[in-house]
Protein backbone atom coordinates (compact mmCIF):
# COMPACT_ATOMS: atom_id res chain seq x y z
CA MET A 1 -39.03 7.39 -36.91
CA THR A 2 -40.22 10.34 -39.01
CA SER A 3 -37.56 12.96 -39.67
CA ARG A 4 -38.51 16.60 -39.94
CA PRO A 5 -36.72 19.44 -41.71
CA VAL A 6 -34.77 21.78 -39.42
CA THR A 7 -32.55 24.79 -39.81
CA ALA A 8 -29.01 24.88 -38.49
CA SER A 9 -30.22 27.22 -35.75
CA GLY A 10 -32.75 24.64 -34.55
CA LEU A 11 -30.37 21.70 -34.70
CA HIS A 12 -28.75 20.05 -31.67
CA VAL A 13 -26.25 17.26 -32.12
CA ILE A 14 -25.21 14.62 -29.60
CA PHE A 15 -22.11 12.56 -30.33
CA ASP A 16 -21.16 9.26 -28.89
CA LEU A 17 -17.44 9.51 -28.15
CA ASP A 18 -15.62 6.19 -28.37
CA GLY A 19 -15.61 4.73 -31.84
CA THR A 20 -17.69 7.61 -33.20
CA LEU A 21 -15.77 10.84 -32.69
CA VAL A 22 -12.48 9.23 -31.78
CA ASP A 23 -10.79 5.89 -32.30
CA SER A 24 -10.40 5.15 -28.62
CA GLU A 25 -11.23 1.45 -28.78
CA PRO A 26 -7.55 0.41 -29.14
CA ASN A 27 -6.81 2.25 -25.88
CA TYR A 28 -9.81 0.72 -24.13
CA TYR A 29 -8.80 -2.73 -25.31
CA GLU A 30 -5.23 -2.28 -24.14
CA ALA A 31 -6.38 -0.94 -20.77
CA GLY A 32 -8.70 -3.93 -20.37
CA ARG A 33 -6.02 -6.39 -21.45
CA ARG A 34 -3.52 -4.99 -18.96
CA LEU A 35 -6.11 -4.93 -16.17
CA LEU A 36 -7.19 -8.53 -16.70
CA ALA A 37 -3.57 -9.66 -16.87
CA ARG A 38 -3.13 -8.38 -13.31
CA TYR A 39 -5.73 -10.94 -12.25
CA GLY A 40 -4.27 -13.84 -14.20
CA VAL A 41 -6.32 -13.53 -17.40
CA ARG A 42 -3.89 -13.87 -20.31
CA ASP A 43 -6.19 -14.72 -23.22
CA PHE A 44 -8.30 -11.57 -23.54
CA GLY A 45 -8.11 -10.82 -27.27
CA TRP A 46 -9.53 -8.15 -29.55
CA GLU A 47 -12.50 -10.32 -30.59
CA ALA A 48 -13.51 -10.80 -26.97
CA ASN A 49 -13.27 -7.05 -26.46
CA ALA A 50 -15.27 -6.16 -29.58
CA ARG A 51 -18.57 -7.38 -28.12
CA PHE A 52 -18.38 -4.61 -25.50
CA ILE A 53 -18.05 -1.74 -27.98
CA GLY A 54 -20.71 0.81 -27.08
CA ILE A 55 -21.24 -0.64 -23.59
CA SER A 56 -20.25 1.32 -20.48
CA THR A 57 -17.03 0.45 -18.65
CA LEU A 58 -18.98 -0.45 -15.52
CA GLU A 59 -21.26 -2.89 -17.33
CA THR A 60 -18.33 -4.35 -19.28
CA LEU A 61 -16.35 -5.05 -16.12
CA THR A 62 -19.41 -6.52 -14.42
CA VAL A 63 -19.66 -9.12 -17.18
CA LEU A 64 -15.91 -9.82 -17.37
CA ARG A 65 -15.63 -10.18 -13.60
CA ALA A 66 -18.29 -12.88 -13.65
CA GLU A 67 -16.98 -14.64 -16.76
CA TYR A 68 -13.42 -14.89 -15.50
CA GLY A 69 -14.31 -15.50 -11.86
CA ILE A 70 -12.35 -12.49 -10.60
CA GLU A 71 -12.85 -12.03 -6.88
CA ALA A 72 -11.66 -8.43 -6.66
CA PRO A 73 -14.41 -5.88 -5.95
CA LEU A 74 -15.98 -4.23 -8.97
CA GLU A 75 -14.92 -0.82 -7.65
CA GLU A 76 -11.29 -1.93 -7.65
CA LEU A 77 -11.53 -3.15 -11.25
CA LEU A 78 -13.23 0.04 -12.36
CA ALA A 79 -10.61 2.25 -10.73
CA GLY A 80 -7.84 0.14 -12.21
CA LYS A 81 -9.16 0.25 -15.76
CA ASN A 82 -9.94 3.94 -15.61
CA ALA A 83 -6.41 4.71 -14.46
CA LEU A 84 -4.89 2.61 -17.23
CA TYR A 85 -7.15 4.11 -19.85
CA LEU A 86 -6.54 7.69 -18.73
CA GLU A 87 -2.80 7.12 -19.05
CA LEU A 88 -3.17 5.76 -22.58
CA ALA A 89 -5.84 8.19 -23.77
CA GLY A 90 -4.08 11.22 -22.34
CA ALA A 91 -0.95 10.32 -24.28
CA SER A 92 -2.59 9.81 -27.67
CA THR A 93 -6.12 9.58 -29.06
CA GLU A 94 -7.00 9.90 -32.73
CA VAL A 95 -10.00 11.85 -33.99
CA PHE A 96 -11.62 10.42 -37.10
CA PRO A 97 -10.80 13.05 -39.77
CA GLN A 98 -14.29 13.50 -41.22
CA MET A 99 -15.76 13.69 -37.71
CA ARG A 100 -13.45 16.60 -36.93
CA VAL A 101 -14.59 18.28 -40.14
CA LEU A 102 -18.22 17.81 -39.10
CA VAL A 103 -17.64 19.16 -35.59
CA GLU A 104 -15.90 22.25 -36.95
CA ARG A 105 -18.69 22.81 -39.49
CA LEU A 106 -21.41 22.50 -36.87
CA TYR A 107 -19.53 24.84 -34.55
CA ALA A 108 -19.13 27.43 -37.30
CA ALA A 109 -22.88 27.22 -37.95
CA GLY A 110 -23.63 27.82 -34.27
CA VAL A 111 -25.07 24.35 -33.67
CA PRO A 112 -25.03 23.31 -29.98
CA MET A 113 -23.30 19.97 -29.42
CA ALA A 114 -22.80 17.50 -26.60
CA VAL A 115 -21.08 14.18 -26.00
CA ALA A 116 -23.00 11.31 -24.39
CA SER A 117 -20.72 8.39 -23.60
CA GLY A 118 -20.40 5.21 -21.62
CA SER A 119 -16.98 6.38 -20.46
CA SER A 120 -16.33 8.06 -17.12
CA ARG A 121 -16.36 11.85 -16.93
CA ALA A 122 -12.61 11.83 -16.34
CA ALA A 123 -12.05 9.74 -19.47
CA ILE A 124 -14.32 11.93 -21.58
CA GLU A 125 -12.55 15.06 -20.36
CA ALA A 126 -9.11 13.56 -21.04
CA VAL A 127 -10.03 12.61 -24.60
CA LEU A 128 -11.72 15.90 -25.46
CA THR A 129 -8.74 17.79 -24.06
CA VAL A 130 -5.97 15.83 -25.76
CA THR A 131 -7.76 16.02 -29.12
CA GLY A 132 -8.74 19.68 -28.83
CA LEU A 133 -12.42 18.84 -29.23
CA ASP A 134 -13.15 20.49 -25.90
CA ALA A 135 -12.95 23.85 -27.68
CA TYR A 136 -16.03 22.87 -29.72
CA ILE A 137 -17.95 20.56 -27.37
CA PRO A 138 -17.81 21.73 -23.74
CA LEU A 139 -20.90 19.79 -22.64
CA TYR A 140 -20.66 16.08 -21.97
CA VAL A 141 -22.55 13.39 -20.06
CA SER A 142 -21.20 10.12 -18.74
CA ALA A 143 -23.25 6.97 -18.29
CA ASP A 144 -21.92 7.01 -14.72
CA GLU A 145 -24.19 10.00 -14.10
CA VAL A 146 -27.44 8.27 -15.04
CA ALA A 147 -29.31 5.21 -13.85
CA HIS A 148 -28.70 3.01 -16.90
CA GLY A 149 -26.17 2.93 -19.71
CA LYS A 150 -26.86 2.23 -23.37
CA PRO A 151 -28.97 0.61 -24.84
CA GLU A 152 -31.22 2.43 -22.36
CA PRO A 153 -31.84 6.07 -23.40
CA ASP A 154 -30.86 7.71 -20.11
CA VAL A 155 -27.55 9.27 -21.18
CA PHE A 156 -29.05 10.82 -24.32
CA LEU A 157 -32.07 12.13 -22.46
CA GLU A 158 -29.80 13.73 -19.89
CA ALA A 159 -27.74 15.35 -22.65
CA ALA A 160 -30.92 16.80 -24.17
CA ARG A 161 -31.97 18.09 -20.76
CA ARG A 162 -28.64 19.85 -20.30
CA LEU A 163 -28.87 21.29 -23.80
CA GLY A 164 -32.29 22.62 -22.84
CA VAL A 165 -34.15 20.95 -25.71
CA THR A 166 -36.62 18.15 -26.30
CA PRO A 167 -35.36 14.78 -27.59
CA ALA A 168 -37.06 15.41 -30.94
CA ASP A 169 -34.73 18.37 -31.48
CA CYS A 170 -31.62 16.17 -31.29
CA VAL A 171 -29.65 14.15 -33.79
CA VAL A 172 -27.35 11.44 -32.42
CA LEU A 173 -24.22 10.08 -34.08
CA GLU A 174 -23.44 6.52 -32.99
CA ASP A 175 -21.13 3.66 -33.91
CA ALA A 176 -22.61 0.76 -31.92
CA PRO A 177 -25.94 -1.08 -32.02
CA ALA A 178 -26.49 -0.41 -28.32
CA GLY A 179 -26.05 3.31 -28.90
CA ALA A 180 -28.37 3.34 -31.91
CA ALA A 181 -30.99 1.51 -29.85
CA ALA A 182 -30.58 4.08 -27.07
CA ALA A 183 -31.02 6.98 -29.49
CA HIS A 184 -34.18 5.39 -30.90
CA ALA A 185 -35.54 4.76 -27.41
CA ALA A 186 -34.85 8.40 -26.56
CA GLY A 187 -36.96 9.55 -29.50
CA MET A 188 -34.00 11.09 -31.34
CA ARG A 189 -32.90 10.85 -34.93
CA CYS A 190 -29.73 8.83 -35.43
CA ILE A 191 -26.89 8.77 -37.90
CA ALA A 192 -25.11 5.43 -37.60
CA VAL A 193 -21.46 4.87 -38.45
CA PRO A 194 -20.67 1.29 -37.39
CA TYR A 195 -17.24 0.96 -35.81
CA VAL A 196 -17.37 -2.71 -36.74
CA PRO A 197 -18.76 -2.72 -40.32
CA GLU A 198 -19.93 -6.31 -39.87
CA THR A 199 -22.56 -5.02 -37.43
CA ALA A 200 -24.18 -2.80 -40.08
CA SER A 201 -26.97 -5.35 -40.53
CA ASP A 202 -27.84 -5.31 -36.83
CA PRO A 203 -31.56 -4.62 -36.30
CA ALA A 204 -30.72 -1.66 -34.07
CA PHE A 205 -29.32 0.20 -37.05
CA LYS A 206 -32.48 -0.24 -39.12
CA ALA A 207 -34.18 2.68 -37.36
CA ALA A 208 -31.30 5.05 -38.17
CA ASP A 209 -32.10 8.02 -40.40
CA LEU A 210 -28.81 7.50 -42.18
CA LEU A 211 -26.53 4.48 -42.06
CA PHE A 212 -22.94 4.53 -43.31
CA ALA A 213 -22.70 0.77 -43.68
CA GLY A 214 -19.00 0.93 -44.47
CA GLY A 215 -18.21 2.66 -41.20
CA GLN A 216 -15.76 5.51 -40.90
CA SER A 217 -14.26 4.79 -44.32
CA ALA A 218 -17.66 5.58 -45.87
CA PHE A 219 -18.58 8.51 -43.61
CA THR A 220 -18.47 12.06 -44.95
CA ALA A 221 -19.16 15.21 -42.99
CA ASP A 222 -21.01 16.72 -45.93
CA ALA A 223 -23.49 13.86 -46.23
CA ALA A 224 -24.12 13.80 -42.48
CA TYR A 225 -24.59 17.56 -42.26
CA HIS A 226 -27.08 17.70 -45.10
CA ARG A 227 -29.06 14.76 -43.69
CA MET A 228 -29.25 16.50 -40.32
CA LEU A 229 -30.95 19.43 -42.02
CA GLY A 230 -33.11 17.25 -44.25
């Protein structure tokens, strides 16, 4: 994808939430582990959970329900996991330090921002509120509000629509291959910060305008900001 120079006034930034802005994956894993335990699944470990990073809760539970032969309705599982996650997330969620620096810098420069996430609207709201990020990013879109979650581009396209801009005016920050693929499919530039550094070689990240192959430990707000304007 060809990048084009922009000014801060013409820039619009869309953040993935989980694993990109905040380290919410431990809470999602724990919520999933507790949920599955209710239905007799006792061996759901972190490695099994890691393959769902960047995938919506609904799609994750659809797969897990089939794999573990859980007979409970999908709606029951979804409600159960959301409730568990909201309890955990509302108590404590950590913002990646350099991501907070970037958000504050973009806000100070008057750059419109949005969150586009596979989480439910309630979960997004809870996380933005507990972290204080809601003061900087009031606009957010859940994959529950569109036809298809990532790697389809729907959630990013909807975020651009609500921002009132074309996809080409947007830069996405993502941590997962599915999210990077969605940003590319949406026709948006992408800055990739792999939550799982081992996925840095994934083909989906090859189209990124900037890849921090070392993940959050390698990410700097300054480098990301200057690339957005470059």
